[in-house]
Amino acid sequence: MPKILEFKGYKFFFYSSDVDEPCHIHVKRGDGDGKIWLEPDLKEEYLEDFKSQEKREIMKIVEENKNYLIEKWYEYFEGK
């Protein structure tokens, strides 16, 4: 489970077993858990147990770091 980014207590990561899925990122903080698609468009799959304000903050963080997160996805999964 490579951690890609940590910001404001949010941990952004993906699972090694995600190799067969489209590019996405998971997020966790406290009891909150989420999954956000990065390609083809930025889209929330789920953000469970996060408050509305936290959901907006998470989406803003992902949007601002989208290119970096995509780059890390392909670096990790290349050749797997």
C-alpha atoms as a PDB file:
ATOM      1  CA  MET A   1       0.000   0.000   0.000  1.00  0.00           C
ATOM      2  CA  PRO A   2       2.240   2.832  -1.218  1.00  0.00           C
ATOM      3  CA  LYS A   3       1.435   6.157   0.446  1.00  0.00           C
ATOM      4  CA  ILE A   4       1.718   8.842  -2.223  1.00  0.00           C
ATOM      5  CA  LEU A   5       0.765  12.022  -0.402  1.00  0.00           C
ATOM      6  CA  GLU A   6      -0.066  13.110   3.130  1.00  0.00           C
ATOM      7  CA  PHE A   7      -1.653  16.510   3.653  1.00  0.00           C
ATOM      8  CA  LYS A   8      -3.701  17.946   6.534  1.00  0.00           C
ATOM      9  CA  GLY A   9      -3.943  14.482   8.044  1.00  0.00           C
ATOM     10  CA  TYR A  10      -5.319  12.915   4.847  1.00  0.00           C
ATOM     11  CA  LYS A  11      -3.338   9.954   3.545  1.00  0.00           C
ATOM     12  CA  PHE A  12      -3.549   9.376  -0.204  1.00  0.00           C
ATOM     13  CA  PHE A  13      -2.489   5.951  -1.434  1.00  0.00           C
ATOM     14  CA  PHE A  14      -3.291   3.025  -3.684  1.00  0.00           C
ATOM     15  CA  TYR A  15      -3.266  -0.707  -3.148  1.00  0.00           C
ATOM     16  CA  SER A  16      -0.833  -2.926  -5.029  1.00  0.00           C
ATOM     17  CA  SER A  17      -3.807  -5.043  -6.085  1.00  0.00           C
ATOM     18  CA  ASP A  18      -5.331  -2.027  -7.922  1.00  0.00           C
ATOM     19  CA  VAL A  19      -3.202  -2.810 -10.978  1.00  0.00           C
ATOM     20  CA  ASP A  20      -6.171  -3.971 -13.089  1.00  0.00           C
ATOM     21  CA  GLU A  21      -8.302  -0.903 -12.376  1.00  0.00           C
ATOM     22  CA  PRO A  22      -8.244   2.522 -14.038  1.00  0.00           C
ATOM     23  CA  CYS A  23      -6.052   5.186 -12.458  1.00  0.00           C
ATOM     24  CA  HIS A  24      -7.411   6.253  -9.053  1.00  0.00           C
ATOM     25  CA  ILE A  25      -6.395   7.196  -5.522  1.00  0.00           C
ATOM     26  CA  HIS A  26      -7.660   6.155  -2.097  1.00  0.00           C
ATOM     27  CA  VAL A  27      -7.882   8.550   0.834  1.00  0.00           C
ATOM     28  CA  LYS A  28      -8.117   7.885   4.557  1.00  0.00           C
ATOM     29  CA  ARG A  29      -8.308  10.020   7.682  1.00  0.00           C
ATOM     30  CA  GLY A  30      -9.726   8.750  10.953  1.00  0.00           C
ATOM     31  CA  ASP A  31     -12.819   6.694  10.144  1.00  0.00           C
ATOM     32  CA  GLY A  32     -13.150   8.333   6.724  1.00  0.00           C
ATOM     33  CA  ASP A  33     -12.378   6.277   3.649  1.00  0.00           C
ATOM     34  CA  GLY A  34     -12.607   7.167  -0.013  1.00  0.00           C
ATOM     35  CA  LYS A  35     -11.753   6.399  -3.609  1.00  0.00           C
ATOM     36  CA  ILE A  36     -11.410   8.960  -6.392  1.00  0.00           C
ATOM     37  CA  TRP A  37     -10.972   8.222 -10.078  1.00  0.00           C
ATOM     38  CA  LEU A  38      -8.193  10.282 -11.681  1.00  0.00           C
ATOM     39  CA  GLU A  39      -8.773   9.267 -15.300  1.00  0.00           C
ATOM     40  CA  PRO A  40     -10.388   9.879 -17.636  1.00  0.00           C
ATOM     41  CA  ASP A  41     -11.927  12.595 -15.442  1.00  0.00           C
ATOM     42  CA  LEU A  42     -11.653  13.437 -11.780  1.00  0.00           C
ATOM     43  CA  LYS A  43     -14.655  11.738 -10.149  1.00  0.00           C
ATOM     44  CA  GLU A  44     -15.569  10.657  -6.645  1.00  0.00           C
ATOM     45  CA  GLU A  45     -16.305   6.934  -6.402  1.00  0.00           C
ATOM     46  CA  TYR A  46     -17.050   7.198  -2.685  1.00  0.00           C
ATOM     47  CA  LEU A  47     -16.064   9.317   0.315  1.00  0.00           C
ATOM     48  CA  GLU A  48     -17.542   7.545   3.319  1.00  0.00           C
ATOM     49  CA  ASP A  49     -17.621   8.992   6.833  1.00  0.00           C
ATOM     50  CA  PHE A  50     -16.259  12.371   5.755  1.00  0.00           C
ATOM     51  CA  LYS A  51     -18.173  15.587   6.449  1.00  0.00           C
ATOM     52  CA  SER A  52     -19.237  17.755   3.485  1.00  0.00           C
ATOM     53  CA  GLN A  53     -16.447  20.237   4.202  1.00  0.00           C
ATOM     54  CA  GLU A  54     -13.881  17.426   4.291  1.00  0.00           C
ATOM     55  CA  LYS A  55     -15.177  16.048   0.981  1.00  0.00           C
ATOM     56  CA  ARG A  56     -14.729  19.447  -0.662  1.00  0.00           C
ATOM     57  CA  GLU A  57     -11.247  19.743   0.843  1.00  0.00           C
ATOM     58  CA  ILE A  58     -10.270  16.245  -0.365  1.00  0.00           C
ATOM     59  CA  MET A  59     -11.472  16.937  -3.895  1.00  0.00           C
ATOM     60  CA  LYS A  60      -9.555  20.242  -3.934  1.00  0.00           C
ATOM     61  CA  ILE A  61      -6.354  18.513  -2.765  1.00  0.00           C
ATOM     62  CA  VAL A  62      -6.747  15.800  -5.402  1.00  0.00           C
ATOM     63  CA  GLU A  63      -7.495  18.330  -8.134  1.00  0.00           C
ATOM     64  CA  GLU A  64      -4.436  20.414  -7.225  1.00  0.00           C
ATOM     65  CA  ASN A  65      -2.217  17.303  -7.197  1.00  0.00           C
ATOM     66  CA  LYS A  66      -3.868  15.344 -10.004  1.00  0.00           C
ATOM     67  CA  ASN A  67      -0.866  15.290 -12.343  1.00  0.00           C
ATOM     68  CA  TYR A  68       1.473  14.209  -9.539  1.00  0.00           C
ATOM     69  CA  LEU A  69      -0.905  11.435  -8.425  1.00  0.00           C
ATOM     70  CA  ILE A  70      -1.303  10.156 -11.988  1.00  0.00           C
ATOM     71  CA  GLU A  71       2.464  10.200 -12.479  1.00  0.00           C
ATOM     72  CA  LYS A  72       2.993   8.171  -9.308  1.00  0.00           C
ATOM     73  CA  TRP A  73       0.299   5.674 -10.363  1.00  0.00           C
ATOM     74  CA  TYR A  74       2.028   4.926 -13.653  1.00  0.00           C
ATOM     75  CA  GLU A  75       5.499   4.871 -12.094  1.00  0.00           C
ATOM     76  CA  TYR A  76       4.348   2.257  -9.595  1.00  0.00           C
ATOM     77  CA  PHE A  77       2.277   0.072 -11.883  1.00  0.00           C
ATOM     78  CA  GLU A  78       4.487   0.243 -14.994  1.00  0.00           C
ATOM     79  CA  GLY A  79       5.464  -3.269 -15.964  1.00  0.00           C
ATOM     80  CA  LYS A  80       3.271  -4.980 -13.353  1.00  0.00           C
END
